Protein backbone atom coordinates (compact mmCIF):
# COMPACT_ATOMS: atom_id res chain seq x y z
CA MET A 1 0.00 0.00 0.00
CA LYS A 2 3.03 2.17 0.48
CA GLY A 3 3.57 4.52 -2.44
CA VAL A 4 0.24 3.79 -4.10
CA TRP A 5 -0.96 7.38 -3.82
CA GLY A 6 2.18 8.49 -5.63
CA ARG A 7 1.23 6.17 -8.48
CA VAL A 8 -2.30 7.54 -8.41
CA ALA A 9 -0.86 11.06 -8.76
CA ILE A 10 1.32 9.95 -11.69
CA VAL A 11 -1.62 8.41 -13.54
CA THR A 12 -3.70 11.52 -12.84
CA ALA A 13 -0.93 13.70 -14.24
CA ALA A 14 -0.73 11.46 -17.32
CA LEU A 15 -4.46 11.88 -17.98
CA ILE A 16 -4.15 15.64 -17.58
CA ALA A 17 -1.19 15.65 -19.98
CA ILE A 18 -3.22 13.73 -22.58
CA ASN A 19 -5.98 16.31 -22.27
CA LEU A 20 -3.47 19.15 -22.54
CA LEU A 21 -1.99 17.68 -25.73
CA ALA A 22 -5.49 17.32 -27.17
CA ARG A 23 -6.23 20.97 -26.39
CA VAL A 24 -3.02 22.02 -28.13
CA GLY A 25 -4.00 19.89 -31.12
CA VAL A 26 -7.41 21.54 -31.27
CA ARG A 27 -5.78 24.99 -31.19
CA ILE A 28 -3.52 24.03 -34.06
CA ALA A 29 -6.39 22.52 -36.05
CA GLY A 30 -8.55 25.59 -35.57
CA PRO A 31 -12.04 25.88 -34.14
CA GLY A 32 -14.99 24.51 -36.05
CA ASP A 33 -13.03 21.93 -37.99
CA ASP A 34 -13.96 18.28 -38.03
CA ALA A 35 -10.49 17.64 -36.67
CA GLU A 36 -11.61 19.10 -33.34
CA PHE A 37 -14.15 16.31 -32.89
CA VAL A 38 -11.70 13.62 -34.00
CA ILE A 39 -8.99 14.89 -31.65
CA ALA A 40 -11.45 14.92 -28.76
CA LEU A 41 -12.49 11.34 -29.45
CA TRP A 42 -8.90 10.15 -29.74
CA SER A 43 -7.92 11.86 -26.49
CA LEU A 44 -10.88 10.37 -24.62
CA GLY A 45 -10.02 6.97 -26.04
CA ALA A 46 -6.40 7.32 -24.97
CA MET A 47 -7.47 8.33 -21.48
CA VAL A 48 -9.85 5.38 -21.16
CA VAL A 49 -7.30 2.88 -22.47
CA GLY A 50 -4.58 4.25 -20.20
CA LEU A 51 -6.77 4.06 -17.12
CA ALA A 52 -8.01 0.58 -18.10
CA VAL A 53 -4.46 -0.73 -18.43
CA VAL A 54 -3.42 0.70 -15.07
CA THR A 55 -6.59 -0.59 -13.41
CA PHE A 56 -6.03 -4.07 -14.84
CA TYR A 57 -2.44 -4.07 -13.60
CA TRP A 58 -3.42 -2.86 -10.13
CA THR A 59 -6.24 -5.42 -9.87
CA ARG A 60 -3.63 -8.16 -10.03
CA GLN A 61 -1.86 -6.65 -6.98
CA TYR A 62 -4.64 -5.21 -4.80
CA LEU A 63 -8.23 -5.96 -3.90
CA ALA A 64 -10.79 -4.85 -6.45
CA SER A 65 -12.52 -2.58 -3.93
CA ARG A 66 -9.29 -0.62 -3.40
CA VAL A 67 -8.62 -0.40 -7.12
CA VAL A 68 -12.10 1.02 -7.70
CA GLY A 69 -11.33 3.65 -5.06
CA PHE A 70 -8.02 4.47 -6.73
CA ALA A 71 -9.66 4.73 -10.14
CA GLY A 72 -12.40 6.94 -8.70
CA ALA A 73 -9.80 9.22 -7.16
CA ILE A 74 -7.93 9.41 -10.47
CA ILE A 75 -11.07 10.20 -12.46
CA GLY A 76 -12.30 12.75 -9.92
CA ALA A 77 -9.00 14.58 -9.57
CA SER A 78 -8.25 14.69 -13.29
CA ALA A 79 -11.78 15.83 -14.13
CA LEU A 80 -11.59 18.57 -11.50
CA VAL A 81 -8.22 19.85 -12.72
CA VAL A 82 -9.27 19.72 -16.38
CA ALA A 83 -12.52 21.55 -15.65
CA VAL A 84 -11.01 24.25 -13.45
CA VAL A 85 -7.61 24.83 -15.05
CA GLY A 86 -8.31 23.72 -18.62
CA PRO A 87 -10.45 26.54 -20.04
């Protein structure tokens, strides 16, 4: 259990970085383009796949109830940061 919250913070930072890269890509593509929608879908897909891989890996080491808590903390923290800092 030691050091798990550090890993949670790293995964949260990775999800925020994916969102940041997607926002930069949308700025480069320009508003109103179809590329904006495609970039958003790809970034959401990358975030889901990344979290799924980490969750699968952690489920092999910890109880599922703890992993669900970790995943909830990751989703909540990254969503809060993206919503508050992002725009």
